[in-house]
Amino acid sequence: MSRGSTRGTGRPPHDAGVLLVDDMEDNLVALEAVLSTLHVPLARAASGAEAVTVLEREEIALVLLDVAMPGMDGFETARCLKRSDRTKDLPVIFLTGPHATRESGFSFRGYATGTVDYVPKPFDPWVLRTKVSVFLDLDRKSRRLCQLLTEEQYRLDDFARRLEAVEAHLAADGGTDTARLARDVGHLADTLNELRGV
């Protein structure tokens, strides 16, 4: 699932995947079946520790994280993700048993670890797909915005280099080459109008 960068290429950014974390193989298979229709990469992990390892090497847009796992549970895993610069902004949806969402303090504890939502098990496939789709769409838009900002910065840097070249030419020429100066200023004006969207 790892991908090369699309910065400055004009191509749309690739879709990042969804990480499914559950210690029960049947739950992972069910999640994959429900989410396969979204046509995005699905990565899986059978433990919190494995999830952290997957996130170090994969491009992930959303984590679906089981709360009740042996060893590093969902709460501890979410806290670990929020401590890492690479994953601190990654949205996490907890997958919980029906009893857990009714327990006093459970929701607070989850939201305090940075969880953005809960989906109770057994989950409604339509609800799960819809929630995941929303976060994938937000991720795509965020990646596209970053790409556009990078491209805009490249254009501004190019404009600044061209302006510096005109200034250097004027300083060296003493201002005698007015035809070339007019042409260079015209190019700069065109570039500036492009940047303004005129």
N, C-alpha and C. Protein backbone atom coordinates (compact mmCIF):
# COMPACT_ATOMS: atom_id res chain seq x y z
N MET A 1 0.81 -1.18 0.00
CA MET A 1 0.00 0.00 0.00
C MET A 1 0.85 1.25 0.00
N SER A 2 2.11 1.14 0.27
CA SER A 2 2.96 2.33 0.28
C SER A 2 3.00 2.91 -1.12
N ARG A 3 3.07 4.23 -1.19
CA ARG A 3 3.03 4.89 -2.47
C ARG A 3 4.11 5.95 -2.55
N GLY A 4 4.47 6.29 -3.79
CA GLY A 4 5.37 7.42 -4.00
C GLY A 4 4.60 8.72 -3.86
N SER A 5 5.33 9.78 -3.72
CA SER A 5 4.73 11.10 -3.57
C SER A 5 4.17 11.58 -4.90
N THR A 6 3.07 12.34 -4.83
CA THR A 6 2.50 12.95 -6.03
C THR A 6 2.73 14.44 -6.03
N ARG A 7 3.58 14.95 -5.17
CA ARG A 7 3.80 16.39 -5.07
C ARG A 7 4.28 16.96 -6.37
N GLY A 8 3.61 18.05 -6.78
CA GLY A 8 4.05 18.79 -7.93
C GLY A 8 3.84 18.08 -9.26
N THR A 9 3.14 16.93 -9.29
CA THR A 9 2.97 16.19 -10.53
C THR A 9 1.67 16.54 -11.21
N GLY A 10 0.73 17.22 -10.50
CA GLY A 10 -0.56 17.53 -11.08
C GLY A 10 -1.53 16.37 -10.99
N ARG A 11 -1.07 15.20 -10.56
CA ARG A 11 -1.96 14.05 -10.40
C ARG A 11 -2.67 14.15 -9.07
N PRO A 12 -3.90 13.61 -8.99
CA PRO A 12 -4.58 13.62 -7.70
C PRO A 12 -3.87 12.70 -6.72
N PRO A 13 -3.94 12.99 -5.43
CA PRO A 13 -3.28 12.15 -4.45
C PRO A 13 -3.97 10.78 -4.39
N HIS A 14 -3.18 9.76 -4.07
CA HIS A 14 -3.72 8.41 -3.94
C HIS A 14 -4.56 8.30 -2.67
N ASP A 15 -5.50 7.36 -2.70
CA ASP A 15 -6.29 7.09 -1.51
C ASP A 15 -5.43 6.37 -0.48
N ALA A 16 -5.52 6.84 0.74
CA ALA A 16 -4.89 6.12 1.84
C ALA A 16 -5.86 5.03 2.27
N GLY A 17 -5.39 4.10 3.04
CA GLY A 17 -6.21 2.96 3.42
C GLY A 17 -6.86 3.09 4.78
N VAL A 18 -7.52 2.01 5.14
CA VAL A 18 -8.16 1.90 6.45
C VAL A 18 -7.47 0.74 7.17
N LEU A 19 -7.08 1.00 8.41
CA LEU A 19 -6.47 -0.04 9.24
C LEU A 19 -7.53 -0.65 10.14
N LEU A 20 -7.70 -1.96 10.04
CA LEU A 20 -8.66 -2.71 10.84
C LEU A 20 -7.89 -3.42 11.94
N VAL A 21 -8.25 -3.13 13.19
CA VAL A 21 -7.52 -3.71 14.32
C VAL A 21 -8.49 -4.47 15.21
N ASP A 22 -8.31 -5.78 15.27
CA ASP A 22 -9.16 -6.63 16.10
C ASP A 22 -8.42 -7.93 16.34
N ASP A 23 -8.53 -8.46 17.53
CA ASP A 23 -7.83 -9.71 17.84
C ASP A 23 -8.62 -10.94 17.37
N MET A 24 -9.84 -10.75 16.90
CA MET A 24 -10.68 -11.86 16.43
C MET A 24 -10.68 -11.89 14.90
N GLU A 25 -10.19 -12.98 14.33
CA GLU A 25 -10.11 -13.13 12.87
C GLU A 25 -11.48 -12.96 12.22
N ASP A 26 -12.53 -13.51 12.83
CA ASP A 26 -13.88 -13.39 12.25
C ASP A 26 -14.30 -11.93 12.12
N ASN A 27 -13.96 -11.11 13.10
CA ASN A 27 -14.30 -9.69 13.03
C ASN A 27 -13.54 -8.99 11.91
N LEU A 28 -12.27 -9.34 11.73
CA LEU A 28 -11.49 -8.74 10.65
C LEU A 28 -12.07 -9.12 9.28
N VAL A 29 -12.47 -10.38 9.14
CA VAL A 29 -13.05 -10.84 7.88
C VAL A 29 -14.36 -10.09 7.61
N ALA A 30 -15.18 -9.93 8.64
CA ALA A 30 -16.46 -9.21 8.49
C ALA A 30 -16.22 -7.76 8.10
N LEU A 31 -15.26 -7.11 8.75
CA LEU A 31 -14.94 -5.72 8.41
C LEU A 31 -14.46 -5.60 6.96
N GLU A 32 -13.60 -6.51 6.56
CA GLU A 32 -13.11 -6.49 5.18
C GLU A 32 -14.25 -6.68 4.18
N ALA A 33 -15.18 -7.57 4.50
CA ALA A 33 -16.31 -7.81 3.59
C ALA A 33 -17.17 -6.56 3.45
N VAL A 34 -17.44 -5.90 4.55
CA VAL A 34 -18.28 -4.70 4.52
C VAL A 34 -17.59 -3.54 3.81
N LEU A 35 -16.30 -3.37 4.05
CA LEU A 35 -15.58 -2.20 3.53
C LEU A 35 -14.97 -2.40 2.15
N SER A 36 -14.97 -3.63 1.65
CA SER A 36 -14.35 -3.89 0.34
C SER A 36 -15.03 -3.12 -0.78
N THR A 37 -16.31 -2.78 -0.61
CA THR A 37 -17.03 -2.04 -1.65
C THR A 37 -16.56 -0.59 -1.76
N LEU A 38 -15.78 -0.11 -0.79
CA LEU A 38 -15.28 1.26 -0.84
C LEU A 38 -14.06 1.40 -1.76
N HIS A 39 -13.48 0.27 -2.14
CA HIS A 39 -12.35 0.23 -3.08
C HIS A 39 -11.16 1.07 -2.61
N VAL A 40 -10.81 0.92 -1.35
CA VAL A 40 -9.60 1.51 -0.80
C VAL A 40 -8.78 0.38 -0.17
N PRO A 41 -7.49 0.59 -0.03
CA PRO A 41 -6.67 -0.44 0.60
C PRO A 41 -7.11 -0.69 2.05
N LEU A 42 -7.19 -1.95 2.42
CA LEU A 42 -7.53 -2.34 3.79
C LEU A 42 -6.32 -3.07 4.37
N ALA A 43 -5.81 -2.54 5.47
CA ALA A 43 -4.72 -3.20 6.18
C ALA A 43 -5.32 -3.80 7.45
N ARG A 44 -4.68 -4.80 7.99
CA ARG A 44 -5.22 -5.42 9.20
C ARG A 44 -4.12 -5.63 10.23
N ALA A 45 -4.56 -5.65 11.48
CA ALA A 45 -3.66 -5.93 12.59
C ALA A 45 -4.46 -6.68 13.64
N ALA A 46 -3.83 -7.66 14.27
CA ALA A 46 -4.50 -8.50 15.27
C ALA A 46 -4.23 -8.04 16.70
N SER A 47 -3.50 -6.94 16.85
CA SER A 47 -3.19 -6.43 18.19
C SER A 47 -2.84 -4.95 18.09
N GLY A 48 -2.83 -4.29 19.24
CA GLY A 48 -2.42 -2.89 19.26
C GLY A 48 -0.98 -2.72 18.83
N ALA A 49 -0.11 -3.61 19.30
CA ALA A 49 1.31 -3.51 18.94
C ALA A 49 1.51 -3.69 17.44
N GLU A 50 0.77 -4.62 16.85
CA GLU A 50 0.87 -4.83 15.40
C GLU A 50 0.33 -3.61 14.65
N ALA A 51 -0.71 -2.98 15.18
CA ALA A 51 -1.27 -1.78 14.56
C ALA A 51 -0.22 -0.67 14.49
N VAL A 52 0.50 -0.48 15.57
CA VAL A 52 1.54 0.55 15.61
C VAL A 52 2.59 0.27 14.54
N THR A 53 2.97 -0.99 14.38
CA THR A 53 3.96 -1.38 13.37
C THR A 53 3.44 -1.11 11.96
N VAL A 54 2.17 -1.48 11.71
CA VAL A 54 1.59 -1.25 10.38
C VAL A 54 1.57 0.25 10.06
N LEU A 55 1.23 1.06 11.05
CA LEU A 55 1.13 2.51 10.83
C LEU A 55 2.48 3.16 10.57
N GLU A 56 3.56 2.51 10.95
CA GLU A 56 4.89 3.04 10.67
C GLU A 56 5.25 2.92 9.20
N ARG A 57 4.62 1.97 8.48
CA ARG A 57 5.02 1.72 7.09
C ARG A 57 3.91 1.93 6.07
N GLU A 58 2.66 2.05 6.50
CA GLU A 58 1.54 2.18 5.57
C GLU A 58 0.94 3.57 5.61
N GLU A 59 0.32 3.96 4.52
CA GLU A 59 -0.39 5.23 4.41
C GLU A 59 -1.85 4.97 4.77
N ILE A 60 -2.24 5.41 5.95
CA ILE A 60 -3.57 5.10 6.50
C ILE A 60 -4.35 6.39 6.73
N ALA A 61 -5.64 6.36 6.37
CA ALA A 61 -6.52 7.52 6.56
C ALA A 61 -7.39 7.40 7.80
N LEU A 62 -7.65 6.17 8.26
CA LEU A 62 -8.58 5.92 9.36
C LEU A 62 -8.23 4.59 10.02
N VAL A 63 -8.42 4.54 11.34
CA VAL A 63 -8.21 3.30 12.09
C VAL A 63 -9.53 2.88 12.70
N LEU A 64 -9.94 1.64 12.45
CA LEU A 64 -11.07 1.03 13.15
C LEU A 64 -10.46 0.11 14.20
N LEU A 65 -10.67 0.44 15.46
CA LEU A 65 -9.90 -0.17 16.55
C LEU A 65 -10.81 -0.83 17.57
N ASP A 66 -10.64 -2.13 17.74
CA ASP A 66 -11.38 -2.86 18.77
C ASP A 66 -10.89 -2.39 20.14
N VAL A 67 -11.83 -2.20 21.05
CA VAL A 67 -11.45 -1.73 22.39
C VAL A 67 -10.91 -2.86 23.24
N ALA A 68 -11.60 -3.99 23.24
CA ALA A 68 -11.27 -5.10 24.14
C ALA A 68 -10.34 -6.09 23.45
N MET A 69 -9.04 -5.88 23.65
CA MET A 69 -8.05 -6.81 23.10
C MET A 69 -7.08 -7.17 24.20
N PRO A 70 -6.54 -8.38 24.16
CA PRO A 70 -5.53 -8.75 25.17
C PRO A 70 -4.25 -7.95 24.96
N GLY A 71 -3.50 -7.76 26.01
CA GLY A 71 -2.26 -6.99 25.91
C GLY A 71 -2.58 -5.52 25.81
N MET A 72 -2.14 -4.90 24.74
CA MET A 72 -2.39 -3.48 24.51
C MET A 72 -3.84 -3.32 24.03
N ASP A 73 -4.73 -2.85 24.91
CA ASP A 73 -6.13 -2.70 24.51
C ASP A 73 -6.32 -1.48 23.62
N GLY A 74 -7.56 -1.23 23.21
CA GLY A 74 -7.83 -0.13 22.30
C GLY A 74 -7.49 1.23 22.89
N PHE A 75 -7.76 1.42 24.18
CA PHE A 75 -7.45 2.70 24.82
C PHE A 75 -5.95 2.97 24.80
N GLU A 76 -5.19 1.97 25.18
CA GLU A 76 -3.73 2.13 25.21
C GLU A 76 -3.17 2.34 23.79
N THR A 77 -3.73 1.61 22.83
CA THR A 77 -3.29 1.77 21.44
C THR A 77 -3.58 3.18 20.95
N ALA A 78 -4.78 3.69 21.23
CA ALA A 78 -5.15 5.05 20.81
C ALA A 78 -4.22 6.08 21.45
N ARG A 79 -3.90 5.90 22.74
CA ARG A 79 -2.97 6.83 23.39
C ARG A 79 -1.60 6.79 22.72
N CYS A 80 -1.16 5.61 22.37
CA CYS A 80 0.14 5.45 21.69
C CYS A 80 0.13 6.17 20.34
N LEU A 81 -0.97 6.06 19.61
CA LEU A 81 -1.07 6.71 18.30
C LEU A 81 -1.03 8.23 18.45
N LYS A 82 -1.65 8.76 19.49
CA LYS A 82 -1.71 10.21 19.68
C LYS A 82 -0.37 10.79 20.13
N ARG A 83 0.54 9.94 20.63
CA ARG A 83 1.86 10.41 21.05
C ARG A 83 2.85 10.51 19.89
N SER A 84 2.53 9.88 18.78
CA SER A 84 3.44 9.86 17.63
C SER A 84 3.11 11.00 16.67
N ASP A 85 4.14 11.72 16.23
CA ASP A 85 3.92 12.81 15.28
C ASP A 85 3.30 12.30 13.98
N ARG A 86 3.66 11.11 13.57
CA ARG A 86 3.15 10.53 12.31
C ARG A 86 1.66 10.20 12.39
N THR A 87 1.16 9.81 13.56
CA THR A 87 -0.22 9.32 13.67
C THR A 87 -1.11 10.14 14.60
N LYS A 88 -0.59 11.23 15.15
CA LYS A 88 -1.36 11.96 16.16
C LYS A 88 -2.67 12.55 15.62
N ASP A 89 -2.73 12.85 14.33
CA ASP A 89 -3.94 13.43 13.75
C ASP A 89 -4.82 12.40 13.05
N LEU A 90 -4.45 11.15 13.14
CA LEU A 90 -5.17 10.08 12.48
C LEU A 90 -6.48 9.79 13.22
N PRO A 91 -7.64 9.85 12.52
CA PRO A 91 -8.89 9.56 13.21
C PRO A 91 -9.01 8.09 13.58
N VAL A 92 -9.55 7.85 14.77
CA VAL A 92 -9.74 6.49 15.29
C VAL A 92 -11.21 6.32 15.65
N ILE A 93 -11.80 5.24 15.13
CA ILE A 93 -13.16 4.86 15.51
C ILE A 93 -13.05 3.58 16.32
N PHE A 94 -13.59 3.62 17.53
CA PHE A 94 -13.59 2.43 18.38
C PHE A 94 -14.71 1.49 17.98
N LEU A 95 -14.38 0.21 17.94
CA LEU A 95 -15.36 -0.86 17.77
C LEU A 95 -15.59 -1.46 19.15
N THR A 96 -16.83 -1.40 19.64
CA THR A 96 -17.10 -1.80 21.01
C THR A 96 -18.24 -2.79 21.09
N GLY A 97 -18.24 -3.56 22.17
CA GLY A 97 -19.39 -4.40 22.47
C GLY A 97 -20.55 -3.52 22.90
N PRO A 98 -21.78 -4.00 22.78
CA PRO A 98 -22.94 -3.17 23.11
C PRO A 98 -22.98 -2.73 24.56
N HIS A 99 -22.41 -3.53 25.47
CA HIS A 99 -22.40 -3.17 26.89
C HIS A 99 -21.44 -2.01 27.18
N ALA A 100 -20.38 -1.91 26.38
CA ALA A 100 -19.34 -0.92 26.67
C ALA A 100 -19.84 0.51 26.50
N THR A 101 -20.68 0.75 25.49
CA THR A 101 -21.13 2.12 25.26
C THR A 101 -22.12 2.57 26.33
N ARG A 102 -22.68 1.63 27.07
CA ARG A 102 -23.61 2.01 28.14
C ARG A 102 -22.90 2.24 29.47
N GLU A 103 -21.67 1.77 29.58
CA GLU A 103 -20.93 1.91 30.84
C GLU A 103 -20.60 3.37 31.11
N SER A 104 -20.76 3.75 32.36
CA SER A 104 -20.46 5.11 32.77
C SER A 104 -18.97 5.38 32.61
N GLY A 105 -18.65 6.48 31.97
CA GLY A 105 -17.26 6.88 31.82
C GLY A 105 -16.55 6.28 30.62
N PHE A 106 -17.16 5.28 29.98
CA PHE A 106 -16.50 4.63 28.84
C PHE A 106 -16.31 5.61 27.69
N SER A 107 -17.38 6.34 27.37
CA SER A 107 -17.29 7.31 26.27
C SER A 107 -16.25 8.37 26.57
N PHE A 108 -16.29 8.89 27.79
CA PHE A 108 -15.32 9.93 28.16
C PHE A 108 -13.90 9.42 28.02
N ARG A 109 -13.67 8.22 28.50
CA ARG A 109 -12.33 7.64 28.42
C ARG A 109 -11.87 7.52 26.96
N GLY A 110 -12.79 7.09 26.10
CA GLY A 110 -12.44 6.95 24.69
C GLY A 110 -12.15 8.28 24.03
N TYR A 111 -13.04 9.25 24.25
CA TYR A 111 -12.83 10.57 23.64
C TYR A 111 -11.59 11.24 24.20
N ALA A 112 -11.27 10.98 25.45
CA ALA A 112 -10.06 11.55 26.06
C ALA A 112 -8.79 11.01 25.41
N THR A 113 -8.87 9.81 24.83
CA THR A 113 -7.70 9.25 24.13
C THR A 113 -7.63 9.69 22.68
N GLY A 114 -8.60 10.50 22.24
CA GLY A 114 -8.57 11.01 20.87
C GLY A 114 -9.46 10.28 19.89
N THR A 115 -10.31 9.41 20.37
CA THR A 115 -11.23 8.70 19.49
C THR A 115 -12.26 9.67 18.93
N VAL A 116 -12.63 9.50 17.66
CA VAL A 116 -13.60 10.41 17.04
C VAL A 116 -15.01 9.86 17.05
N ASP A 117 -15.15 8.52 17.21
CA ASP A 117 -16.49 7.93 17.18
C ASP A 117 -16.44 6.51 17.71
N TYR A 118 -17.63 5.97 17.93
CA TYR A 118 -17.80 4.58 18.36
C TYR A 118 -18.74 3.88 17.39
N VAL A 119 -18.49 2.61 17.15
CA VAL A 119 -19.42 1.76 16.42
C VAL A 119 -19.61 0.50 17.26
N PRO A 120 -20.86 0.28 17.75
CA PRO A 120 -21.08 -0.91 18.59
C PRO A 120 -21.15 -2.19 17.74
N LYS A 121 -20.67 -3.28 18.33
CA LYS A 121 -20.80 -4.60 17.71
C LYS A 121 -22.05 -5.26 18.27
N PRO A 122 -22.76 -6.01 17.50
CA PRO A 122 -22.58 -6.20 16.05
C PRO A 122 -22.93 -4.90 15.32
N PHE A 123 -22.12 -4.55 14.33
CA PHE A 123 -22.30 -3.27 13.66
C PHE A 123 -23.25 -3.40 12.47
N ASP A 124 -23.90 -2.31 12.19
CA ASP A 124 -24.76 -2.21 11.01
C ASP A 124 -23.84 -1.90 9.83
N PRO A 125 -23.77 -2.77 8.82
CA PRO A 125 -22.84 -2.56 7.71
C PRO A 125 -23.02 -1.20 7.02
N TRP A 126 -24.26 -0.77 6.83
CA TRP A 126 -24.51 0.49 6.16
C TRP A 126 -23.96 1.66 6.98
N VAL A 127 -24.21 1.64 8.30
CA VAL A 127 -23.72 2.71 9.18
C VAL A 127 -22.20 2.74 9.17
N LEU A 128 -21.58 1.58 9.29
CA LEU A 128 -20.11 1.52 9.30
C LEU A 128 -19.54 2.05 7.99
N ARG A 129 -20.07 1.58 6.86
CA ARG A 129 -19.58 2.04 5.55
C ARG A 129 -19.75 3.55 5.41
N THR A 130 -20.88 4.06 5.88
CA THR A 130 -21.13 5.50 5.76
C THR A 130 -20.14 6.31 6.59
N LYS A 131 -19.91 5.87 7.83
CA LYS A 131 -18.96 6.60 8.69
C LYS A 131 -17.55 6.54 8.10
N VAL A 132 -17.15 5.39 7.64
CA VAL A 132 -15.82 5.25 7.06
C VAL A 132 -15.70 6.11 5.80
N SER A 133 -16.75 6.12 4.98
CA SER A 133 -16.74 6.93 3.75
C SER A 133 -16.53 8.41 4.05
N VAL A 134 -17.17 8.91 5.10
CA VAL A 134 -17.03 10.31 5.47
C VAL A 134 -15.57 10.63 5.80
N PHE A 135 -14.93 9.79 6.60
CA PHE A 135 -13.54 10.05 6.97
C PHE A 135 -12.59 9.88 5.79
N LEU A 136 -12.88 8.94 4.89
CA LEU A 136 -12.04 8.79 3.70
C LEU A 136 -12.17 10.02 2.79
N ASP A 137 -13.38 10.54 2.67
CA ASP A 137 -13.60 11.74 1.87
C ASP A 137 -12.85 12.93 2.47
N LEU A 138 -12.90 13.07 3.78
CA LEU A 138 -12.16 14.15 4.44
C LEU A 138 -10.66 14.01 4.20
N ASP A 139 -10.17 12.79 4.26
CA ASP A 139 -8.74 12.55 4.03
C ASP A 139 -8.36 12.90 2.59
N ARG A 140 -9.18 12.50 1.61
CA ARG A 140 -8.91 12.83 0.21
C ARG A 140 -8.86 14.35 0.01
N LYS A 141 -9.82 15.04 0.60
CA LYS A 141 -9.86 16.49 0.45
C LYS A 141 -8.66 17.15 1.12
N SER A 142 -8.27 16.63 2.26
CA SER A 142 -7.11 17.17 2.95
C SER A 142 -5.84 16.96 2.14
N ARG A 143 -5.69 15.76 1.58
CA ARG A 143 -4.51 15.46 0.75
C ARG A 143 -4.49 16.34 -0.50
N ARG A 144 -5.66 16.53 -1.11
CA ARG A 144 -5.74 17.37 -2.31
C ARG A 144 -5.38 18.81 -1.97
N LEU A 145 -5.87 19.29 -0.84
CA LEU A 145 -5.55 20.65 -0.42
C LEU A 145 -4.04 20.80 -0.20
N CYS A 146 -3.43 19.83 0.45
CA CYS A 146 -1.97 19.88 0.65
C CYS A 146 -1.24 19.89 -0.68
N GLN A 147 -1.72 19.10 -1.63
CA GLN A 147 -1.10 19.06 -2.96
C GLN A 147 -1.22 20.41 -3.64
N LEU A 148 -2.40 21.02 -3.57
CA LEU A 148 -2.60 22.33 -4.20
C LEU A 148 -1.73 23.39 -3.54
N LEU A 149 -1.60 23.34 -2.22
CA LEU A 149 -0.75 24.30 -1.52
C LEU A 149 0.72 24.13 -1.93
N THR A 150 1.14 22.89 -2.08
CA THR A 150 2.52 22.63 -2.51
C THR A 150 2.75 23.17 -3.92
N GLU A 151 1.79 22.93 -4.81
CA GLU A 151 1.92 23.43 -6.17
C GLU A 151 1.92 24.96 -6.19
N GLU A 152 1.07 25.57 -5.39
CA GLU A 152 1.01 27.03 -5.32
C GLU A 152 2.32 27.60 -4.78
N GLN A 153 2.89 26.94 -3.79
CA GLN A 153 4.17 27.39 -3.25
C GLN A 153 5.26 27.29 -4.30
N TYR A 154 5.23 26.24 -5.09
CA TYR A 154 6.21 26.09 -6.17
C TYR A 154 6.08 27.25 -7.17
N ARG A 155 4.85 27.59 -7.53
CA ARG A 155 4.62 28.69 -8.47
C ARG A 155 5.07 30.02 -7.87
N LEU A 156 4.81 30.25 -6.61
CA LEU A 156 5.26 31.49 -5.96
C LEU A 156 6.78 31.55 -5.90
N ASP A 157 7.41 30.42 -5.59
CA ASP A 157 8.88 30.38 -5.56
C ASP A 157 9.45 30.67 -6.94
N ASP A 158 8.83 30.10 -7.99
CA ASP A 158 9.27 30.34 -9.36
C ASP A 158 9.13 31.82 -9.70
N PHE A 159 8.02 32.42 -9.31
CA PHE A 159 7.79 33.85 -9.54
C PHE A 159 8.88 34.68 -8.86
N ALA A 160 9.20 34.35 -7.63
CA ALA A 160 10.22 35.09 -6.88
C ALA A 160 11.58 34.95 -7.56
N ARG A 161 11.91 33.75 -8.06
CA ARG A 161 13.20 33.55 -8.76
C ARG A 161 13.26 34.40 -10.04
N ARG A 162 12.15 34.43 -10.77
CA ARG A 162 12.12 35.21 -12.00
C ARG A 162 12.24 36.71 -11.70
N LEU A 163 11.59 37.16 -10.66
CA LEU A 163 11.68 38.56 -10.27
C LEU A 163 13.10 38.92 -9.86
N GLU A 164 13.75 38.03 -9.12
CA GLU A 164 15.15 38.26 -8.72
C GLU A 164 16.06 38.33 -9.95
N ALA A 165 15.77 37.50 -10.95
CA ALA A 165 16.58 37.52 -12.17
C ALA A 165 16.43 38.85 -12.91
N VAL A 166 15.20 39.37 -12.96
CA VAL A 166 14.98 40.68 -13.61
C VAL A 166 15.72 41.76 -12.83
N GLU A 167 15.62 41.72 -11.52
CA GLU A 167 16.31 42.72 -10.69
C GLU A 167 17.82 42.64 -10.89
N ALA A 168 18.36 41.42 -10.94
CA ALA A 168 19.80 41.26 -11.15
C ALA A 168 20.19 41.78 -12.52
N HIS A 169 19.37 41.50 -13.53
CA HIS A 169 19.66 41.98 -14.89
C HIS A 169 19.64 43.51 -14.93
N LEU A 170 18.67 44.10 -14.27
CA LEU A 170 18.60 45.57 -14.24
C LEU A 170 19.83 46.16 -13.55
N ALA A 171 20.22 45.55 -12.46
CA ALA A 171 21.38 46.06 -11.72
C ALA A 171 22.64 45.95 -12.56
N ALA A 172 22.79 44.85 -13.31
CA ALA A 172 23.98 44.63 -14.11
C ALA A 172 23.97 45.47 -15.39
N ASP A 173 22.78 45.69 -15.97
CA ASP A 173 22.66 46.37 -17.25
C ASP A 173 22.59 47.88 -17.11
N GLY A 174 22.24 48.35 -15.95
CA GLY A 174 22.10 49.79 -15.75
C GLY A 174 20.83 50.33 -16.36
N GLY A 175 19.90 49.47 -16.77
CA GLY A 175 18.61 49.90 -17.27
C GLY A 175 18.57 50.22 -18.75
N THR A 176 19.61 49.84 -19.55
CA THR A 176 19.64 50.21 -20.96
C THR A 176 18.85 49.26 -21.86
N ASP A 177 18.58 48.07 -21.42
CA ASP A 177 17.88 47.08 -22.25
C ASP A 177 16.38 47.10 -21.92
N THR A 178 15.71 48.17 -22.33
CA THR A 178 14.31 48.35 -21.94
C THR A 178 13.37 47.39 -22.64
N ALA A 179 13.67 46.97 -23.88
CA ALA A 179 12.79 46.03 -24.59
C ALA A 179 12.75 44.69 -23.86
N ARG A 180 13.93 44.22 -23.46
CA ARG A 180 13.98 42.95 -22.73
C ARG A 180 13.31 43.11 -21.37
N LEU A 181 13.54 44.22 -20.74
CA LEU A 181 12.90 44.48 -19.45
C LEU A 181 11.39 44.45 -19.60
N ALA A 182 10.85 45.10 -20.62
CA ALA A 182 9.41 45.12 -20.84
C ALA A 182 8.87 43.71 -21.05
N ARG A 183 9.61 42.90 -21.82
CA ARG A 183 9.20 41.51 -22.06
C ARG A 183 9.22 40.71 -20.76
N ASP A 184 10.28 40.85 -19.97
CA ASP A 184 10.38 40.13 -18.70
C ASP A 184 9.28 40.56 -17.72
N VAL A 185 9.01 41.85 -17.67
CA VAL A 185 7.95 42.34 -16.79
C VAL A 185 6.60 41.82 -17.27
N GLY A 186 6.41 41.74 -18.59
CA GLY A 186 5.16 41.18 -19.13
C GLY A 186 4.97 39.74 -18.72
N HIS A 187 6.05 38.94 -18.77
CA HIS A 187 5.98 37.54 -18.32
C HIS A 187 5.65 37.47 -16.84
N LEU A 188 6.27 38.32 -16.06
CA LEU A 188 5.99 38.34 -14.62
C LEU A 188 4.54 38.75 -14.34
N ALA A 189 4.05 39.70 -15.12
CA ALA A 189 2.65 40.13 -14.95
C ALA A 189 1.71 38.98 -15.29
N ASP A 190 2.01 38.22 -16.36
CA ASP A 190 1.18 37.06 -16.71
C ASP A 190 1.19 36.03 -15.59
N THR A 191 2.37 35.77 -15.05
CA THR A 191 2.48 34.80 -13.96
C THR A 191 1.70 35.27 -12.74
N LEU A 192 1.83 36.54 -12.44
CA LEU A 192 1.10 37.08 -11.30
C LEU A 192 -0.41 36.97 -11.50
N ASN A 193 -0.88 37.23 -12.73
CA ASN A 193 -2.31 37.07 -13.01
C ASN A 193 -2.76 35.62 -12.87
N GLU A 194 -1.89 34.68 -13.28
CA GLU A 194 -2.20 33.25 -13.08
C GLU A 194 -2.37 32.94 -11.59
N LEU A 195 -1.42 33.44 -10.79
CA LEU A 195 -1.47 33.19 -9.36
C LEU A 195 -2.72 33.78 -8.73
N ARG A 196 -3.15 34.91 -9.25
CA ARG A 196 -4.36 35.56 -8.73
C ARG A 196 -5.62 34.90 -9.26
N GLY A 197 -5.49 34.09 -10.31
CA GLY A 197 -6.66 33.45 -10.91
C GLY A 197 -7.40 34.36 -11.85
N VAL A 198 -6.72 35.37 -12.37
CA VAL A 198 -7.36 36.32 -13.29
C VAL A 198 -7.33 35.79 -14.70
